[in-house]
């Protein structure tokens, strides 16, 4: 089970992140609000989640975002990568981000 989770994270690390047209976000001091205009639902993420989202959208590549955040938070890349991957899965499941592969892997 652990190796399949790692494999899923490896694939996710090779993905790019985009914000769908129907999603808007705005940072506030205590949270970032993400609104899905199609559903009318908004989601609040804490300042750490807001920073993760900002870096993901800035860097576009999940791997590049995780590397930048690991340096910023002064934490091991493996730890931050796992957190970023979990965050991406949660946002994607709610239709708040789109994930696409950088390249086809055979």
C-alpha atoms as a PDB file:
ATOM      1  CA  UNK A   1       0.000   0.000   0.000  1.00  0.00           C
ATOM      2  CA  UNK A   2       2.800   2.438   0.820  1.00  0.00           C
ATOM      3  CA  UNK A   3       4.553   1.901  -2.512  1.00  0.00           C
ATOM      4  CA  UNK A   4       1.342   2.639  -4.445  1.00  0.00           C
ATOM      5  CA  UNK A   5       0.892   5.847  -2.426  1.00  0.00           C
ATOM      6  CA  UNK A   6       4.465   6.842  -3.255  1.00  0.00           C
ATOM      7  CA  UNK A   7       3.864   6.036  -6.911  1.00  0.00           C
ATOM      8  CA  UNK A   8       0.730   8.225  -6.907  1.00  0.00           C
ATOM      9  CA  UNK A   9       2.695  11.045  -5.272  1.00  0.00           C
ATOM     10  CA  UNK A  10       5.496  10.636  -7.839  1.00  0.00           C
ATOM     11  CA  UNK A  11       2.953  11.019 -10.649  1.00  0.00           C
ATOM     12  CA  UNK A  12       1.357  13.982  -8.937  1.00  0.00           C
ATOM     13  CA  UNK A  13       4.743  15.659  -8.463  1.00  0.00           C
ATOM     14  CA  UNK A  14       5.101  15.577 -12.256  1.00  0.00           C
ATOM     15  CA  UNK A  15       1.806  17.414 -12.776  1.00  0.00           C
ATOM     16  CA  UNK A  16       1.020  21.043 -13.459  1.00  0.00           C
ATOM     17  CA  UNK A  17      -1.622  23.024 -11.609  1.00  0.00           C
ATOM     18  CA  UNK A  18      -4.089  25.456 -13.127  1.00  0.00           C
ATOM     19  CA  UNK A  19      -7.110  27.214 -11.729  1.00  0.00           C
ATOM     20  CA  UNK A  20     -10.332  26.451 -13.606  1.00  0.00           C
ATOM     21  CA  UNK A  21     -12.192  29.449 -15.022  1.00  0.00           C
ATOM     22  CA  UNK A  22     -15.030  28.858 -12.588  1.00  0.00           C
ATOM     23  CA  UNK A  23     -12.797  29.235  -9.519  1.00  0.00           C
ATOM     24  CA  UNK A  24     -11.640  32.444  -7.860  1.00  0.00           C
ATOM     25  CA  UNK A  25      -9.601  32.916  -4.729  1.00  0.00           C
ATOM     26  CA  UNK A  26      -8.642  35.702  -2.409  1.00  0.00           C
ATOM     27  CA  UNK A  27      -6.153  35.731   0.448  1.00  0.00           C
ATOM     28  CA  UNK A  28      -7.058  37.290   3.785  1.00  0.00           C
ATOM     29  CA  UNK A  29      -4.846  37.547   6.872  1.00  0.00           C
ATOM     30  CA  UNK A  30      -6.346  34.491   8.591  1.00  0.00           C
ATOM     31  CA  UNK A  31      -7.424  32.387   5.601  1.00  0.00           C
ATOM     32  CA  UNK A  32      -7.610  32.165   1.830  1.00  0.00           C
ATOM     33  CA  UNK A  33     -11.101  31.831   0.426  1.00  0.00           C
ATOM     34  CA  UNK A  34     -11.557  29.734  -2.711  1.00  0.00           C
ATOM     35  CA  UNK A  35     -14.916  30.043  -4.441  1.00  0.00           C
ATOM     36  CA  UNK A  36     -16.322  27.624  -6.999  1.00  0.00           C
ATOM     37  CA  UNK A  37     -18.651  29.826  -9.058  1.00  0.00           C
ATOM     38  CA  UNK A  38     -20.372  26.789 -10.615  1.00  0.00           C
ATOM     39  CA  UNK A  39     -21.481  25.339  -7.292  1.00  0.00           C
ATOM     40  CA  UNK A  40     -21.599  28.534  -5.237  1.00  0.00           C
ATOM     41  CA  UNK A  41     -19.549  26.814  -2.546  1.00  0.00           C
ATOM     42  CA  UNK A  42     -16.610  28.510  -0.934  1.00  0.00           C
ATOM     43  CA  UNK A  43     -13.770  26.854   0.865  1.00  0.00           C
ATOM     44  CA  UNK A  44     -11.464  28.418   3.418  1.00  0.00           C
ATOM     45  CA  UNK A  45      -7.882  27.294   3.859  1.00  0.00           C
ATOM     46  CA  UNK A  46      -5.546  28.353   6.654  1.00  0.00           C
ATOM     47  CA  UNK A  47      -2.558  30.632   5.965  1.00  0.00           C
ATOM     48  CA  UNK A  48      -0.296  27.649   5.242  1.00  0.00           C
ATOM     49  CA  UNK A  49      -2.798  26.285   2.709  1.00  0.00           C
ATOM     50  CA  UNK A  50      -3.135  29.738   1.216  1.00  0.00           C
ATOM     51  CA  UNK A  51       0.623  29.970   0.796  1.00  0.00           C
ATOM     52  CA  UNK A  52       0.702  26.499  -0.749  1.00  0.00           C
ATOM     53  CA  UNK A  53      -1.991  27.510  -3.245  1.00  0.00           C
ATOM     54  CA  UNK A  54      -0.184  30.750  -4.115  1.00  0.00           C
ATOM     55  CA  UNK A  55       3.107  28.941  -4.775  1.00  0.00           C
ATOM     56  CA  UNK A  56       1.378  26.180  -6.759  1.00  0.00           C
ATOM     57  CA  UNK A  57      -0.260  28.771  -9.010  1.00  0.00           C
ATOM     58  CA  UNK A  58       2.954  30.776  -9.296  1.00  0.00           C
ATOM     59  CA  UNK A  59       5.262  27.846 -10.053  1.00  0.00           C
ATOM     60  CA  UNK A  60       2.637  25.762 -11.916  1.00  0.00           C
ATOM     61  CA  UNK A  61       4.601  22.523 -11.461  1.00  0.00           C
ATOM     62  CA  UNK A  62       3.832  20.584  -8.288  1.00  0.00           C
ATOM     63  CA  UNK A  63       7.477  19.524  -7.912  1.00  0.00           C
ATOM     64  CA  UNK A  64       8.752  23.105  -8.286  1.00  0.00           C
ATOM     65  CA  UNK A  65       6.188  24.346  -5.767  1.00  0.00           C
ATOM     66  CA  UNK A  66       7.129  21.647  -3.248  1.00  0.00           C
ATOM     67  CA  UNK A  67      10.820  22.482  -3.621  1.00  0.00           C
ATOM     68  CA  UNK A  68      10.161  26.195  -3.116  1.00  0.00           C
ATOM     69  CA  UNK A  69       7.943  25.564  -0.087  1.00  0.00           C
ATOM     70  CA  UNK A  70      10.473  23.180   1.478  1.00  0.00           C
ATOM     71  CA  UNK A  71      13.057  25.952   1.312  1.00  0.00           C
ATOM     72  CA  UNK A  72      10.640  28.590   2.573  1.00  0.00           C
ATOM     73  CA  UNK A  73       9.404  26.502   5.508  1.00  0.00           C
ATOM     74  CA  UNK A  74      12.859  24.993   6.131  1.00  0.00           C
ATOM     75  CA  UNK A  75      11.434  21.470   6.167  1.00  0.00           C
ATOM     76  CA  UNK A  76      12.584  18.294   4.351  1.00  0.00           C
ATOM     77  CA  UNK A  77      11.401  18.059   0.752  1.00  0.00           C
ATOM     78  CA  UNK A  78       9.816  14.634   1.336  1.00  0.00           C
ATOM     79  CA  UNK A  79       7.651  15.989   4.140  1.00  0.00           C
ATOM     80  CA  UNK A  80       6.527  19.056   2.178  1.00  0.00           C
ATOM     81  CA  UNK A  81       6.002  17.048  -1.011  1.00  0.00           C
ATOM     82  CA  UNK A  82       3.631  14.688   0.824  1.00  0.00           C
ATOM     83  CA  UNK A  83       1.700  17.655   2.230  1.00  0.00           C
ATOM     84  CA  UNK A  84       1.523  19.410  -1.153  1.00  0.00           C
ATOM     85  CA  UNK A  85       0.344  16.223  -2.870  1.00  0.00           C
ATOM     86  CA  UNK A  86      -2.385  15.687  -0.267  1.00  0.00           C
ATOM     87  CA  UNK A  87      -3.449  19.334  -0.617  1.00  0.00           C
ATOM     88  CA  UNK A  88      -3.593  19.033  -4.420  1.00  0.00           C
ATOM     89  CA  UNK A  89      -5.687  15.866  -4.215  1.00  0.00           C
ATOM     90  CA  UNK A  90      -8.165  17.574  -1.874  1.00  0.00           C
ATOM     91  CA  UNK A  91      -8.478  20.679  -4.059  1.00  0.00           C
ATOM     92  CA  UNK A  92      -8.800  18.630  -7.249  1.00  0.00           C
ATOM     93  CA  UNK A  93     -11.492  16.427  -5.681  1.00  0.00           C
ATOM     94  CA  UNK A  94     -13.521  19.579  -5.003  1.00  0.00           C
ATOM     95  CA  UNK A  95     -12.997  20.916  -8.538  1.00  0.00           C
ATOM     96  CA  UNK A  96     -10.890  23.818  -7.278  1.00  0.00           C
ATOM     97  CA  UNK A  97      -7.764  23.070  -9.312  1.00  0.00           C
ATOM     98  CA  UNK A  98      -6.977  21.169 -12.481  1.00  0.00           C
ATOM     99  CA  UNK A  99      -3.992  18.825 -12.588  1.00  0.00           C
ATOM    100  CA  UNK A 100      -2.345  17.747 -15.824  1.00  0.00           C
ATOM    101  CA  UNK A 101       0.721  15.682 -16.564  1.00  0.00           C
ATOM    102  CA  UNK A 102       3.799  17.438 -17.894  1.00  0.00           C
ATOM    103  CA  UNK A 103       4.679  14.555 -20.159  1.00  0.00           C
ATOM    104  CA  UNK A 104       3.483  11.087 -20.979  1.00  0.00           C
ATOM    105  CA  UNK A 105       5.418   8.436 -19.116  1.00  0.00           C
ATOM    106  CA  UNK A 106       5.696   4.965 -20.524  1.00  0.00           C
END
